[in-house]
């Protein structure tokens, strides 16, 4: 066998070995979800040394009313079994609102069999439970999976503006429609444009990431 052939054969055998060693040493893929709503910077004692770290806001307690079953639903209940997807919409639900709700249908269908994923759509305008029940029916909301919720204006305003730090709603404006991913501890882990298919695809991916983290702590 010629020297060139020997060298070529050696390289062909060496490449898979090097690839294996590289993947073993550097191939761990970690998809870390960020936390939103920074609250303050605090000091933490780690291995005998003080380190400064950001403390993020946990959603405070809130209680809304569910349309179909006509009962109270709290934030604690929504996150009890896992994470939930939180969104807002007005009763007239213009075009952008309809796009958001259509995207949420996709999320529900993707995680239909997963009890650890819930959806909560909150009405931003005062209206009757009958109208909310009709929304739930129109979008095929699964009972106990996708909640259509309402409350008095101060409660909804506090949830939107104080807890989630969203800008005040402008009368007659169509949006913005910001969808939140809230984890089982009440932290906001994702924010998405509810009218964007690309953003909602990212939401679906990041729900999968959180579920994997919960299953493999």
N, C-alpha and C. Protein backbone atom coordinates (compact mmCIF):
# COMPACT_ATOMS: atom_id res chain seq x y z
N UNK A 1 0.84 -1.19 0.00
CA UNK A 1 0.00 0.00 0.00
C UNK A 1 0.88 1.25 0.00
N UNK A 2 0.56 2.20 -0.85
CA UNK A 2 1.35 3.41 -0.96
C UNK A 2 1.22 4.27 0.29
N UNK A 3 2.28 5.08 0.59
CA UNK A 3 2.23 5.94 1.78
C UNK A 3 1.03 6.89 1.77
N UNK A 4 0.69 7.41 0.56
CA UNK A 4 -0.45 8.32 0.48
C UNK A 4 -1.74 7.62 0.87
N UNK A 5 -1.88 6.37 0.46
CA UNK A 5 -3.08 5.60 0.78
C UNK A 5 -3.16 5.31 2.27
N UNK A 6 -2.00 5.01 2.86
CA UNK A 6 -1.95 4.76 4.31
C UNK A 6 -2.36 6.01 5.07
N UNK A 7 -1.84 7.16 4.63
CA UNK A 7 -2.18 8.43 5.29
C UNK A 7 -3.67 8.72 5.17
N UNK A 8 -4.22 8.50 3.97
CA UNK A 8 -5.64 8.74 3.76
C UNK A 8 -6.50 7.83 4.62
N UNK A 9 -6.12 6.57 4.71
CA UNK A 9 -6.86 5.62 5.53
C UNK A 9 -6.80 6.02 7.00
N UNK A 10 -5.63 6.47 7.44
CA UNK A 10 -5.48 6.90 8.83
C UNK A 10 -6.36 8.09 9.15
N UNK A 11 -6.43 9.04 8.22
CA UNK A 11 -7.28 10.20 8.42
C UNK A 11 -8.75 9.81 8.48
N UNK A 12 -9.15 8.88 7.62
CA UNK A 12 -10.54 8.44 7.60
C UNK A 12 -10.93 7.77 8.92
N UNK A 13 -9.98 7.07 9.53
CA UNK A 13 -10.26 6.43 10.81
C UNK A 13 -10.20 7.43 11.97
N UNK A 14 -9.38 8.47 11.82
CA UNK A 14 -9.19 9.43 12.90
C UNK A 14 -10.34 10.42 13.02
N UNK A 15 -10.94 10.81 11.90
CA UNK A 15 -12.00 11.83 11.92
C UNK A 15 -13.18 11.43 12.81
N UNK A 16 -13.73 10.20 12.70
CA UNK A 16 -14.84 9.85 13.60
C UNK A 16 -14.46 9.88 15.07
N UNK A 17 -13.21 9.50 15.38
CA UNK A 17 -12.76 9.52 16.77
C UNK A 17 -12.71 10.95 17.29
N UNK A 18 -12.15 11.86 16.49
CA UNK A 18 -12.08 13.26 16.90
C UNK A 18 -13.48 13.86 17.04
N UNK A 19 -14.38 13.50 16.15
CA UNK A 19 -15.74 14.01 16.22
C UNK A 19 -16.42 13.55 17.49
N UNK A 20 -16.21 12.27 17.85
CA UNK A 20 -16.79 11.73 19.07
C UNK A 20 -16.26 12.46 20.30
N UNK A 21 -14.94 12.67 20.34
CA UNK A 21 -14.34 13.35 21.49
C UNK A 21 -14.83 14.79 21.60
N UNK A 22 -15.00 15.46 20.46
CA UNK A 22 -15.49 16.84 20.48
C UNK A 22 -16.91 16.90 21.02
N UNK A 23 -17.77 16.03 20.52
CA UNK A 23 -19.16 16.03 20.96
C UNK A 23 -19.28 15.66 22.43
N UNK A 24 -18.43 14.74 22.88
CA UNK A 24 -18.46 14.33 24.28
C UNK A 24 -18.04 15.48 25.18
N UNK A 25 -17.05 16.25 24.74
CA UNK A 25 -16.54 17.32 25.59
C UNK A 25 -17.32 18.62 25.48
N UNK A 26 -17.84 18.91 24.28
CA UNK A 26 -18.44 20.22 24.05
C UNK A 26 -19.85 20.18 23.49
N UNK A 27 -20.39 18.98 23.33
CA UNK A 27 -21.65 18.86 22.61
C UNK A 27 -22.90 18.97 23.44
N UNK A 28 -22.80 19.27 24.74
CA UNK A 28 -23.99 19.40 25.55
C UNK A 28 -24.76 20.64 25.15
N UNK A 29 -25.99 20.47 24.75
CA UNK A 29 -26.80 21.59 24.29
C UNK A 29 -27.73 22.05 25.41
N UNK A 30 -27.54 23.26 25.87
CA UNK A 30 -28.37 23.78 26.96
C UNK A 30 -29.16 24.98 26.45
N UNK A 31 -30.48 24.89 26.57
CA UNK A 31 -31.37 25.95 26.14
C UNK A 31 -31.95 26.55 27.42
N UNK A 32 -31.35 27.64 27.86
CA UNK A 32 -31.75 28.25 29.13
C UNK A 32 -32.80 29.33 28.88
N UNK A 33 -33.93 29.22 29.56
CA UNK A 33 -34.96 30.25 29.44
C UNK A 33 -34.66 31.41 30.36
N UNK A 34 -34.84 32.63 29.88
CA UNK A 34 -34.58 33.79 30.76
C UNK A 34 -35.73 34.00 31.74
N UNK A 35 -35.47 34.81 32.73
CA UNK A 35 -36.50 35.33 33.62
C UNK A 35 -36.78 36.76 33.19
N UNK A 36 -38.04 37.17 33.32
CA UNK A 36 -38.44 38.53 32.98
C UNK A 36 -38.80 39.30 34.26
N UNK A 37 -38.96 40.59 34.13
CA UNK A 37 -39.39 41.48 35.21
C UNK A 37 -38.37 41.53 36.36
N UNK A 38 -37.16 42.02 36.09
CA UNK A 38 -36.19 42.17 37.18
C UNK A 38 -36.71 43.15 38.23
N UNK A 39 -36.49 42.80 39.49
CA UNK A 39 -37.04 43.60 40.58
C UNK A 39 -35.97 44.36 41.34
N UNK A 40 -34.86 43.68 41.64
CA UNK A 40 -33.77 44.33 42.38
C UNK A 40 -32.53 43.46 42.26
N UNK A 41 -31.41 44.02 42.66
CA UNK A 41 -30.16 43.27 42.73
C UNK A 41 -29.88 42.99 44.20
N UNK A 42 -29.59 41.73 44.52
CA UNK A 42 -29.37 41.33 45.90
C UNK A 42 -28.07 40.55 46.00
N UNK A 43 -27.57 40.38 47.22
CA UNK A 43 -26.35 39.62 47.45
C UNK A 43 -26.69 38.24 47.99
N UNK A 44 -26.01 37.23 47.45
CA UNK A 44 -26.24 35.85 47.86
C UNK A 44 -24.91 35.21 48.25
N UNK A 45 -24.90 34.42 49.33
CA UNK A 45 -23.70 33.74 49.78
C UNK A 45 -23.57 32.40 49.04
N UNK A 46 -22.56 32.27 48.20
CA UNK A 46 -22.32 31.06 47.41
C UNK A 46 -20.91 30.57 47.68
N UNK A 47 -20.81 29.35 48.24
CA UNK A 47 -19.51 28.73 48.54
C UNK A 47 -18.62 29.67 49.36
N UNK A 48 -19.24 30.34 50.34
CA UNK A 48 -18.50 31.21 51.24
C UNK A 48 -18.18 32.57 50.69
N UNK A 49 -18.65 32.88 49.47
CA UNK A 49 -18.39 34.18 48.86
C UNK A 49 -19.71 34.87 48.52
N UNK A 50 -19.73 36.17 48.73
CA UNK A 50 -20.93 36.94 48.40
C UNK A 50 -20.94 37.28 46.92
N UNK A 51 -22.07 36.97 46.27
CA UNK A 51 -22.25 37.29 44.85
C UNK A 51 -23.51 38.11 44.66
N UNK A 52 -23.41 39.07 43.78
CA UNK A 52 -24.57 39.90 43.49
C UNK A 52 -25.40 39.23 42.39
N UNK A 53 -26.70 39.18 42.60
CA UNK A 53 -27.58 38.49 41.65
C UNK A 53 -28.88 39.26 41.51
N UNK A 54 -29.51 39.12 40.35
CA UNK A 54 -30.78 39.79 40.10
C UNK A 54 -31.94 38.99 40.67
N UNK A 55 -32.82 39.66 41.39
CA UNK A 55 -34.04 39.03 41.90
C UNK A 55 -35.18 39.43 40.97
N UNK A 56 -35.93 38.43 40.48
CA UNK A 56 -36.99 38.69 39.52
C UNK A 56 -38.36 38.65 40.21
N UNK A 57 -39.29 39.35 39.61
CA UNK A 57 -40.63 39.50 40.19
C UNK A 57 -41.44 38.20 40.04
N UNK A 58 -42.05 37.77 41.13
CA UNK A 58 -43.03 36.69 41.10
C UNK A 58 -44.41 37.32 41.12
N UNK A 59 -45.30 36.80 40.27
CA UNK A 59 -46.64 37.35 40.22
C UNK A 59 -47.32 37.20 41.58
N UNK A 60 -47.93 38.27 42.04
CA UNK A 60 -48.66 38.24 43.29
C UNK A 60 -49.99 37.52 43.12
N UNK A 61 -50.69 37.25 44.23
CA UNK A 61 -51.98 36.55 44.14
C UNK A 61 -53.02 37.36 43.37
N UNK A 62 -53.81 36.69 42.58
CA UNK A 62 -54.93 37.33 41.89
C UNK A 62 -56.03 36.31 41.72
N UNK A 63 -57.25 36.81 41.56
CA UNK A 63 -58.40 35.92 41.40
C UNK A 63 -59.32 36.48 40.33
N UNK A 64 -59.67 35.64 39.38
CA UNK A 64 -60.55 36.00 38.28
C UNK A 64 -61.75 35.06 38.29
N UNK A 65 -62.67 35.28 37.37
CA UNK A 65 -63.85 34.42 37.30
C UNK A 65 -63.90 33.73 35.95
N UNK A 66 -64.08 32.41 36.01
CA UNK A 66 -64.12 31.60 34.80
C UNK A 66 -65.53 31.60 34.23
N UNK A 67 -65.62 31.73 32.91
CA UNK A 67 -66.92 31.96 32.28
C UNK A 67 -67.80 30.72 32.23
N UNK A 68 -67.25 29.61 31.75
CA UNK A 68 -68.07 28.44 31.46
C UNK A 68 -68.64 27.83 32.73
N UNK A 69 -67.77 27.59 33.72
CA UNK A 69 -68.23 26.97 34.97
C UNK A 69 -68.70 28.01 35.99
N UNK A 70 -68.50 29.29 35.67
CA UNK A 70 -68.92 30.39 36.54
C UNK A 70 -68.37 30.20 37.97
N UNK A 71 -67.04 30.12 38.04
CA UNK A 71 -66.40 29.95 39.35
C UNK A 71 -65.11 30.78 39.39
N UNK A 72 -64.61 30.99 40.61
CA UNK A 72 -63.38 31.74 40.80
C UNK A 72 -62.18 30.88 40.42
N UNK A 73 -61.21 31.51 39.76
CA UNK A 73 -59.95 30.85 39.39
C UNK A 73 -58.81 31.77 39.82
N UNK A 74 -57.91 31.25 40.62
CA UNK A 74 -56.80 32.06 41.13
C UNK A 74 -55.52 31.78 40.35
N UNK A 75 -54.56 32.68 40.49
CA UNK A 75 -53.26 32.44 39.88
C UNK A 75 -52.60 31.19 40.44
N UNK A 76 -52.80 30.95 41.74
CA UNK A 76 -52.23 29.75 42.37
C UNK A 76 -52.78 28.48 41.74
N UNK A 77 -54.07 28.48 41.39
CA UNK A 77 -54.66 27.31 40.75
C UNK A 77 -54.10 27.09 39.36
N UNK A 78 -53.90 28.18 38.62
CA UNK A 78 -53.40 28.07 37.26
C UNK A 78 -52.00 27.45 37.22
N UNK A 79 -51.16 27.79 38.20
CA UNK A 79 -49.78 27.29 38.19
C UNK A 79 -49.60 26.04 39.03
N UNK A 80 -50.67 25.55 39.65
CA UNK A 80 -50.55 24.42 40.56
C UNK A 80 -50.02 23.17 39.87
N UNK A 81 -50.52 22.89 38.67
CA UNK A 81 -50.12 21.67 37.97
C UNK A 81 -48.91 21.87 37.07
N UNK A 82 -48.47 23.11 36.92
CA UNK A 82 -47.33 23.36 36.06
C UNK A 82 -47.33 24.79 35.59
N UNK A 83 -47.06 24.99 34.31
CA UNK A 83 -46.98 26.33 33.73
C UNK A 83 -48.30 26.72 33.08
N UNK A 84 -48.45 28.02 32.79
CA UNK A 84 -49.63 28.44 32.04
C UNK A 84 -49.29 29.60 31.12
N UNK A 85 -50.09 29.73 30.08
CA UNK A 85 -49.94 30.77 29.06
C UNK A 85 -51.02 31.82 29.30
N UNK A 86 -50.59 33.05 29.55
CA UNK A 86 -51.51 34.12 29.93
C UNK A 86 -51.62 35.15 28.83
N UNK A 87 -52.86 35.48 28.45
CA UNK A 87 -53.08 36.46 27.40
C UNK A 87 -54.28 37.33 27.76
N UNK A 88 -54.47 38.41 27.02
CA UNK A 88 -55.57 39.35 27.24
C UNK A 88 -56.24 39.67 25.91
N UNK A 89 -57.53 39.98 25.97
CA UNK A 89 -58.24 40.34 24.74
C UNK A 89 -59.49 41.16 25.09
N UNK A 90 -59.93 42.04 24.18
CA UNK A 90 -61.15 42.82 24.40
C UNK A 90 -62.38 42.08 23.88
N UNK A 91 -63.54 42.48 24.32
CA UNK A 91 -64.78 41.78 23.95
C UNK A 91 -65.11 41.90 22.47
N UNK A 92 -64.71 43.02 21.82
CA UNK A 92 -65.02 43.15 20.39
C UNK A 92 -64.07 42.32 19.54
N UNK A 93 -62.91 41.93 20.09
CA UNK A 93 -61.92 41.04 19.47
C UNK A 93 -61.73 41.33 17.98
N UNK A 94 -61.03 42.43 17.66
CA UNK A 94 -60.77 42.75 16.25
C UNK A 94 -59.78 41.77 15.62
N UNK A 95 -59.32 42.12 14.41
CA UNK A 95 -58.54 41.18 13.60
C UNK A 95 -57.31 40.64 14.33
N UNK A 96 -56.53 41.53 14.94
CA UNK A 96 -55.31 41.08 15.61
C UNK A 96 -55.64 40.16 16.78
N UNK A 97 -56.71 40.46 17.49
CA UNK A 97 -57.17 39.61 18.60
C UNK A 97 -57.53 38.22 18.08
N UNK A 98 -58.20 38.16 16.96
CA UNK A 98 -58.58 36.88 16.38
C UNK A 98 -57.35 36.06 15.98
N UNK A 99 -56.31 36.77 15.47
CA UNK A 99 -55.07 36.08 15.12
C UNK A 99 -54.42 35.49 16.36
N UNK A 100 -54.42 36.27 17.44
CA UNK A 100 -53.83 35.76 18.68
C UNK A 100 -54.57 34.51 19.15
N UNK A 101 -55.89 34.58 19.19
CA UNK A 101 -56.66 33.43 19.68
C UNK A 101 -56.50 32.21 18.78
N UNK A 102 -56.34 32.45 17.48
CA UNK A 102 -56.10 31.33 16.56
C UNK A 102 -54.75 30.67 16.87
N UNK A 103 -53.75 31.47 17.22
CA UNK A 103 -52.45 30.92 17.60
C UNK A 103 -52.56 30.14 18.91
N UNK A 104 -53.39 30.64 19.84
CA UNK A 104 -53.56 29.94 21.11
C UNK A 104 -54.26 28.59 20.91
N UNK A 105 -55.10 28.50 19.90
CA UNK A 105 -55.71 27.20 19.55
C UNK A 105 -54.61 26.20 19.22
N UNK A 106 -53.59 26.65 18.47
CA UNK A 106 -52.47 25.77 18.14
C UNK A 106 -51.75 25.29 19.40
N UNK A 107 -51.56 26.21 20.34
CA UNK A 107 -50.88 25.85 21.59
C UNK A 107 -51.69 24.80 22.35
N UNK A 108 -53.01 25.03 22.43
CA UNK A 108 -53.87 24.06 23.13
C UNK A 108 -53.78 22.68 22.47
N UNK A 109 -53.83 22.65 21.14
CA UNK A 109 -53.81 21.37 20.45
C UNK A 109 -52.47 20.66 20.62
N UNK A 110 -51.39 21.43 20.62
CA UNK A 110 -50.06 20.85 20.78
C UNK A 110 -49.93 20.17 22.14
N UNK A 111 -50.50 20.77 23.19
CA UNK A 111 -50.34 20.25 24.55
C UNK A 111 -51.67 19.74 25.11
N UNK A 112 -52.54 19.29 24.21
CA UNK A 112 -53.86 18.82 24.60
C UNK A 112 -53.79 17.73 25.68
N UNK A 113 -52.85 16.84 25.58
CA UNK A 113 -52.76 15.70 26.49
C UNK A 113 -51.87 15.97 27.70
N UNK A 114 -51.32 17.14 27.80
CA UNK A 114 -50.38 17.45 28.89
C UNK A 114 -51.08 18.29 29.95
N UNK A 115 -51.36 17.67 31.10
CA UNK A 115 -52.07 18.36 32.17
C UNK A 115 -51.24 19.47 32.80
N UNK A 116 -49.93 19.48 32.54
CA UNK A 116 -49.07 20.51 33.12
C UNK A 116 -49.05 21.80 32.35
N UNK A 117 -49.83 21.91 31.29
CA UNK A 117 -49.89 23.13 30.48
C UNK A 117 -51.33 23.62 30.44
N UNK A 118 -51.53 24.88 30.83
CA UNK A 118 -52.86 25.48 30.79
C UNK A 118 -52.79 26.83 30.08
N UNK A 119 -53.95 27.30 29.65
CA UNK A 119 -54.05 28.61 29.01
C UNK A 119 -55.09 29.44 29.75
N UNK A 120 -54.81 30.74 29.88
CA UNK A 120 -55.73 31.66 30.55
C UNK A 120 -55.85 32.93 29.71
N UNK A 121 -57.04 33.15 29.15
CA UNK A 121 -57.31 34.35 28.36
C UNK A 121 -58.21 35.27 29.16
N UNK A 122 -57.73 36.48 29.42
CA UNK A 122 -58.42 37.41 30.32
C UNK A 122 -59.06 38.53 29.51
N UNK A 123 -60.33 38.76 29.75
CA UNK A 123 -61.07 39.83 29.09
C UNK A 123 -60.65 41.17 29.69
N UNK A 124 -60.32 42.12 28.83
CA UNK A 124 -59.87 43.44 29.32
C UNK A 124 -61.01 44.43 29.43
N UNK A 125 -62.19 44.06 28.96
CA UNK A 125 -63.35 44.94 29.04
C UNK A 125 -64.45 44.23 29.82
N UNK A 126 -65.25 45.00 30.53
CA UNK A 126 -66.33 44.41 31.33
C UNK A 126 -67.42 43.87 30.42
N UNK A 127 -67.77 42.61 30.63
CA UNK A 127 -68.81 41.99 29.82
C UNK A 127 -69.40 40.80 30.55
N UNK A 128 -70.44 40.22 29.98
CA UNK A 128 -71.13 39.12 30.65
C UNK A 128 -70.43 37.80 30.44
N UNK A 129 -70.68 36.86 31.34
CA UNK A 129 -70.11 35.52 31.22
C UNK A 129 -70.62 34.81 29.98
N UNK A 130 -71.80 35.20 29.51
CA UNK A 130 -72.37 34.58 28.31
C UNK A 130 -71.48 34.81 27.10
N UNK A 131 -70.96 36.04 26.98
CA UNK A 131 -70.09 36.36 25.86
C UNK A 131 -68.79 35.57 25.96
N UNK A 132 -68.24 35.48 27.16
CA UNK A 132 -67.01 34.71 27.34
C UNK A 132 -67.23 33.24 27.03
N UNK A 133 -68.36 32.72 27.44
CA UNK A 133 -68.68 31.32 27.15
C UNK A 133 -68.75 31.09 25.64
N UNK A 134 -69.24 32.09 24.91
CA UNK A 134 -69.31 31.97 23.46
C UNK A 134 -67.91 31.96 22.85
N UNK A 135 -67.00 32.79 23.39
CA UNK A 135 -65.61 32.76 22.94
C UNK A 135 -65.01 31.37 23.16
N UNK A 136 -65.22 30.83 24.35
CA UNK A 136 -64.69 29.51 24.68
C UNK A 136 -65.20 28.46 23.69
N UNK A 137 -66.46 28.55 23.36
CA UNK A 137 -67.06 27.59 22.42
C UNK A 137 -66.50 27.79 21.02
N UNK A 138 -66.39 29.05 20.58
CA UNK A 138 -65.93 29.33 19.22
C UNK A 138 -64.51 28.83 18.98
N UNK A 139 -63.67 28.90 20.02
CA UNK A 139 -62.27 28.49 19.85
C UNK A 139 -62.01 27.07 20.34
N UNK A 140 -63.06 26.37 20.71
CA UNK A 140 -62.91 24.97 21.11
C UNK A 140 -62.11 24.79 22.38
N UNK A 141 -62.28 25.71 23.33
CA UNK A 141 -61.53 25.62 24.58
C UNK A 141 -61.92 24.36 25.35
N UNK A 142 -60.92 23.61 25.77
CA UNK A 142 -61.15 22.39 26.55
C UNK A 142 -61.34 22.79 28.01
N UNK A 143 -62.42 22.33 28.62
CA UNK A 143 -62.71 22.65 30.02
C UNK A 143 -61.56 22.20 30.91
N UNK A 144 -61.11 23.10 31.78
CA UNK A 144 -60.00 22.79 32.66
C UNK A 144 -58.64 22.93 32.03
N UNK A 145 -58.61 23.25 30.73
CA UNK A 145 -57.36 23.40 29.99
C UNK A 145 -57.15 24.86 29.57
N UNK A 146 -58.19 25.39 28.93
CA UNK A 146 -58.13 26.79 28.46
C UNK A 146 -59.24 27.56 29.15
N UNK A 147 -58.86 28.50 29.99
CA UNK A 147 -59.82 29.27 30.78
C UNK A 147 -60.05 30.64 30.14
N UNK A 148 -61.32 30.99 29.94
CA UNK A 148 -61.68 32.35 29.54
C UNK A 148 -62.18 33.07 30.79
N UNK A 149 -61.45 34.11 31.19
CA UNK A 149 -61.62 34.70 32.51
C UNK A 149 -62.00 36.18 32.44
N UNK A 150 -62.65 36.63 33.49
CA UNK A 150 -63.02 38.04 33.59
C UNK A 150 -62.90 38.50 35.04
N UNK A 151 -62.92 39.80 35.24
CA UNK A 151 -62.87 40.38 36.58
C UNK A 151 -63.25 41.86 36.44
N UNK A 152 -63.37 42.53 37.57
CA UNK A 152 -63.64 43.97 37.50
C UNK A 152 -62.40 44.69 36.95
N UNK A 153 -62.62 45.89 36.44
CA UNK A 153 -61.55 46.62 35.77
C UNK A 153 -60.32 46.84 36.65
N UNK A 154 -60.45 47.23 37.94
CA UNK A 154 -59.25 47.41 38.77
C UNK A 154 -58.40 46.14 38.89
N UNK A 155 -59.04 44.98 38.98
CA UNK A 155 -58.30 43.72 39.11
C UNK A 155 -57.50 43.43 37.85
N UNK A 156 -58.15 43.61 36.69
CA UNK A 156 -57.46 43.34 35.42
C UNK A 156 -56.34 44.35 35.20
N UNK A 157 -56.59 45.61 35.53
CA UNK A 157 -55.58 46.66 35.37
C UNK A 157 -54.37 46.37 36.26
N UNK A 158 -54.62 45.97 37.50
CA UNK A 158 -53.51 45.66 38.41
C UNK A 158 -52.68 44.49 37.88
N UNK A 159 -53.35 43.45 37.37
CA UNK A 159 -52.65 42.29 36.83
C UNK A 159 -51.79 42.68 35.63
N UNK A 160 -52.35 43.45 34.74
CA UNK A 160 -51.63 43.84 33.52
C UNK A 160 -50.50 44.82 33.81
N UNK A 161 -50.83 45.89 34.51
CA UNK A 161 -49.89 47.00 34.62
C UNK A 161 -48.93 46.89 35.80
N UNK A 162 -49.39 46.37 36.93
CA UNK A 162 -48.52 46.28 38.10
C UNK A 162 -47.77 44.95 38.15
N UNK A 163 -48.49 43.86 37.93
CA UNK A 163 -47.84 42.55 38.03
C UNK A 163 -47.00 42.24 36.78
N UNK A 164 -47.57 42.48 35.60
CA UNK A 164 -46.88 42.13 34.35
C UNK A 164 -46.17 43.30 33.70
N UNK A 165 -46.41 44.51 34.23
CA UNK A 165 -45.75 45.73 33.75
C UNK A 165 -46.00 45.97 32.26
N UNK A 166 -47.22 45.71 31.83
CA UNK A 166 -47.61 46.01 30.45
C UNK A 166 -48.10 47.45 30.38
N UNK A 167 -47.98 48.09 29.22
CA UNK A 167 -48.44 49.48 29.10
C UNK A 167 -49.96 49.56 29.21
N UNK A 168 -50.47 50.71 29.65
CA UNK A 168 -51.94 50.87 29.75
C UNK A 168 -52.60 50.68 28.39
N UNK A 169 -53.79 50.14 28.41
CA UNK A 169 -54.54 49.95 27.18
C UNK A 169 -55.06 51.29 26.68
N UNK A 170 -55.06 51.45 25.37
CA UNK A 170 -55.59 52.66 24.73
C UNK A 170 -56.93 52.32 24.12
N UNK A 171 -57.95 53.07 24.48
CA UNK A 171 -59.30 52.81 23.98
C UNK A 171 -59.33 52.85 22.46
N UNK A 172 -59.92 51.82 21.86
CA UNK A 172 -60.04 51.75 20.41
C UNK A 172 -58.83 51.19 19.69
N UNK A 173 -57.72 50.96 20.42
CA UNK A 173 -56.51 50.42 19.78
C UNK A 173 -56.60 48.91 19.67
N UNK A 174 -56.10 48.37 18.56
CA UNK A 174 -56.10 46.92 18.34
C UNK A 174 -54.76 46.35 18.78
N UNK A 175 -54.62 46.14 20.08
CA UNK A 175 -53.38 45.58 20.61
C UNK A 175 -52.64 46.58 21.47
N UNK A 176 -51.39 46.30 21.84
CA UNK A 176 -50.64 45.10 21.45
C UNK A 176 -51.12 43.85 22.20
N UNK A 177 -50.87 42.68 21.61
CA UNK A 177 -51.28 41.41 22.20
C UNK A 177 -50.03 40.65 22.64
N UNK A 178 -49.71 40.81 23.92
CA UNK A 178 -48.50 40.21 24.48
C UNK A 178 -48.90 38.98 25.28
N UNK A 179 -48.36 37.84 24.87
CA UNK A 179 -48.64 36.57 25.54
C UNK A 179 -47.50 36.27 26.50
N UNK A 180 -47.84 35.82 27.71
CA UNK A 180 -46.83 35.55 28.74
C UNK A 180 -46.76 34.04 29.02
N UNK A 181 -45.55 33.55 29.23
CA UNK A 181 -45.35 32.18 29.71
C UNK A 181 -44.98 32.27 31.19
N UNK A 182 -45.84 31.75 32.06
CA UNK A 182 -45.65 31.83 33.51
C UNK A 182 -45.33 30.43 34.03
N UNK A 183 -44.24 30.32 34.78
CA UNK A 183 -43.85 28.99 35.26
C UNK A 183 -44.57 28.62 36.54
N UNK A 184 -44.30 27.45 37.07
CA UNK A 184 -45.03 26.92 38.21
C UNK A 184 -44.74 27.67 39.51
N UNK A 185 -43.72 28.53 39.48
CA UNK A 185 -43.39 29.34 40.65
C UNK A 185 -43.88 30.78 40.52
N UNK A 186 -44.57 31.07 39.44
CA UNK A 186 -45.11 32.41 39.26
C UNK A 186 -44.17 33.40 38.61
N UNK A 187 -43.08 32.91 38.02
CA UNK A 187 -42.16 33.80 37.30
C UNK A 187 -42.54 33.83 35.82
N UNK A 188 -42.40 35.00 35.21
CA UNK A 188 -42.60 35.13 33.76
C UNK A 188 -41.33 34.68 33.07
N UNK A 189 -41.44 33.64 32.22
CA UNK A 189 -40.27 33.06 31.55
C UNK A 189 -40.25 33.33 30.05
N UNK A 190 -41.32 33.93 29.53
CA UNK A 190 -41.33 34.24 28.11
C UNK A 190 -42.38 35.28 27.78
N UNK A 191 -42.08 36.10 26.78
CA UNK A 191 -43.05 37.08 26.27
C UNK A 191 -43.05 36.99 24.75
N UNK A 192 -44.27 37.04 24.16
CA UNK A 192 -44.41 36.77 22.74
C UNK A 192 -45.47 37.68 22.14
N UNK A 193 -45.29 37.98 20.87
CA UNK A 193 -46.32 38.67 20.10
C UNK A 193 -47.37 37.62 19.72
N UNK A 194 -48.56 37.72 20.32
CA UNK A 194 -49.58 36.71 20.11
C UNK A 194 -50.09 36.64 18.68
N UNK A 195 -49.83 37.66 17.88
CA UNK A 195 -50.29 37.66 16.49
C UNK A 195 -49.24 37.09 15.54
N UNK A 196 -48.06 36.77 16.05
CA UNK A 196 -46.95 36.31 15.22
C UNK A 196 -46.82 34.79 15.29
N UNK A 197 -46.94 34.12 14.16
CA UNK A 197 -46.77 32.67 14.13
C UNK A 197 -45.37 32.28 14.57
N UNK A 198 -44.39 33.07 14.15
CA UNK A 198 -42.99 32.77 14.52
C UNK A 198 -42.81 32.86 16.04
N UNK A 199 -43.34 33.92 16.64
CA UNK A 199 -43.22 34.07 18.09
C UNK A 199 -43.95 32.95 18.83
N UNK A 200 -45.10 32.56 18.33
CA UNK A 200 -45.87 31.51 19.00
C UNK A 200 -45.23 30.14 18.79
N UNK A 201 -44.50 29.97 17.70
CA UNK A 201 -43.70 28.75 17.55
C UNK A 201 -42.60 28.71 18.61
N UNK A 202 -42.03 29.88 18.89
CA UNK A 202 -41.02 29.97 19.95
C UNK A 202 -41.64 29.64 21.30
N UNK A 203 -42.85 30.12 21.53
CA UNK A 203 -43.56 29.78 22.77
C UNK A 203 -43.70 28.27 22.92
N UNK A 204 -44.12 27.60 21.87
CA UNK A 204 -44.30 26.14 21.91
C UNK A 204 -42.97 25.46 22.25
N UNK A 205 -41.89 25.92 21.62
CA UNK A 205 -40.57 25.36 21.90
C UNK A 205 -40.18 25.57 23.36
N UNK A 206 -40.44 26.77 23.88
CA UNK A 206 -40.01 27.09 25.24
C UNK A 206 -40.89 26.41 26.28
N UNK A 207 -42.13 26.12 25.94
CA UNK A 207 -42.95 25.29 26.83
C UNK A 207 -42.33 23.90 26.92
N UNK A 208 -41.92 23.34 25.78
CA UNK A 208 -41.26 22.03 25.78
C UNK A 208 -40.00 22.05 26.64
N UNK A 209 -39.25 23.15 26.57
CA UNK A 209 -38.03 23.27 27.37
C UNK A 209 -38.35 23.24 28.86
N UNK A 210 -39.35 24.03 29.27
CA UNK A 210 -39.72 24.06 30.69
C UNK A 210 -40.22 22.69 31.16
N UNK A 211 -41.03 22.05 30.35
CA UNK A 211 -41.53 20.72 30.72
C UNK A 211 -40.38 19.73 30.88
N UNK A 212 -39.38 19.84 29.99
CA UNK A 212 -38.22 18.94 30.10
C UNK A 212 -37.46 19.21 31.39
N UNK A 213 -37.30 20.51 31.73
CA UNK A 213 -36.60 20.86 32.96
C UNK A 213 -37.34 20.31 34.17
N UNK A 214 -38.66 20.40 34.16
CA UNK A 214 -39.44 19.88 35.28
C UNK A 214 -39.31 18.36 35.40
N UNK A 215 -39.23 17.68 34.26
CA UNK A 215 -39.13 16.23 34.28
C UNK A 215 -37.71 15.74 34.57
N UNK A 216 -36.71 16.60 34.30
CA UNK A 216 -35.31 16.23 34.51
C UNK A 216 -34.61 17.33 35.30
N UNK A 217 -34.96 17.46 36.57
CA UNK A 217 -34.39 18.55 37.38
C UNK A 217 -32.87 18.39 37.56
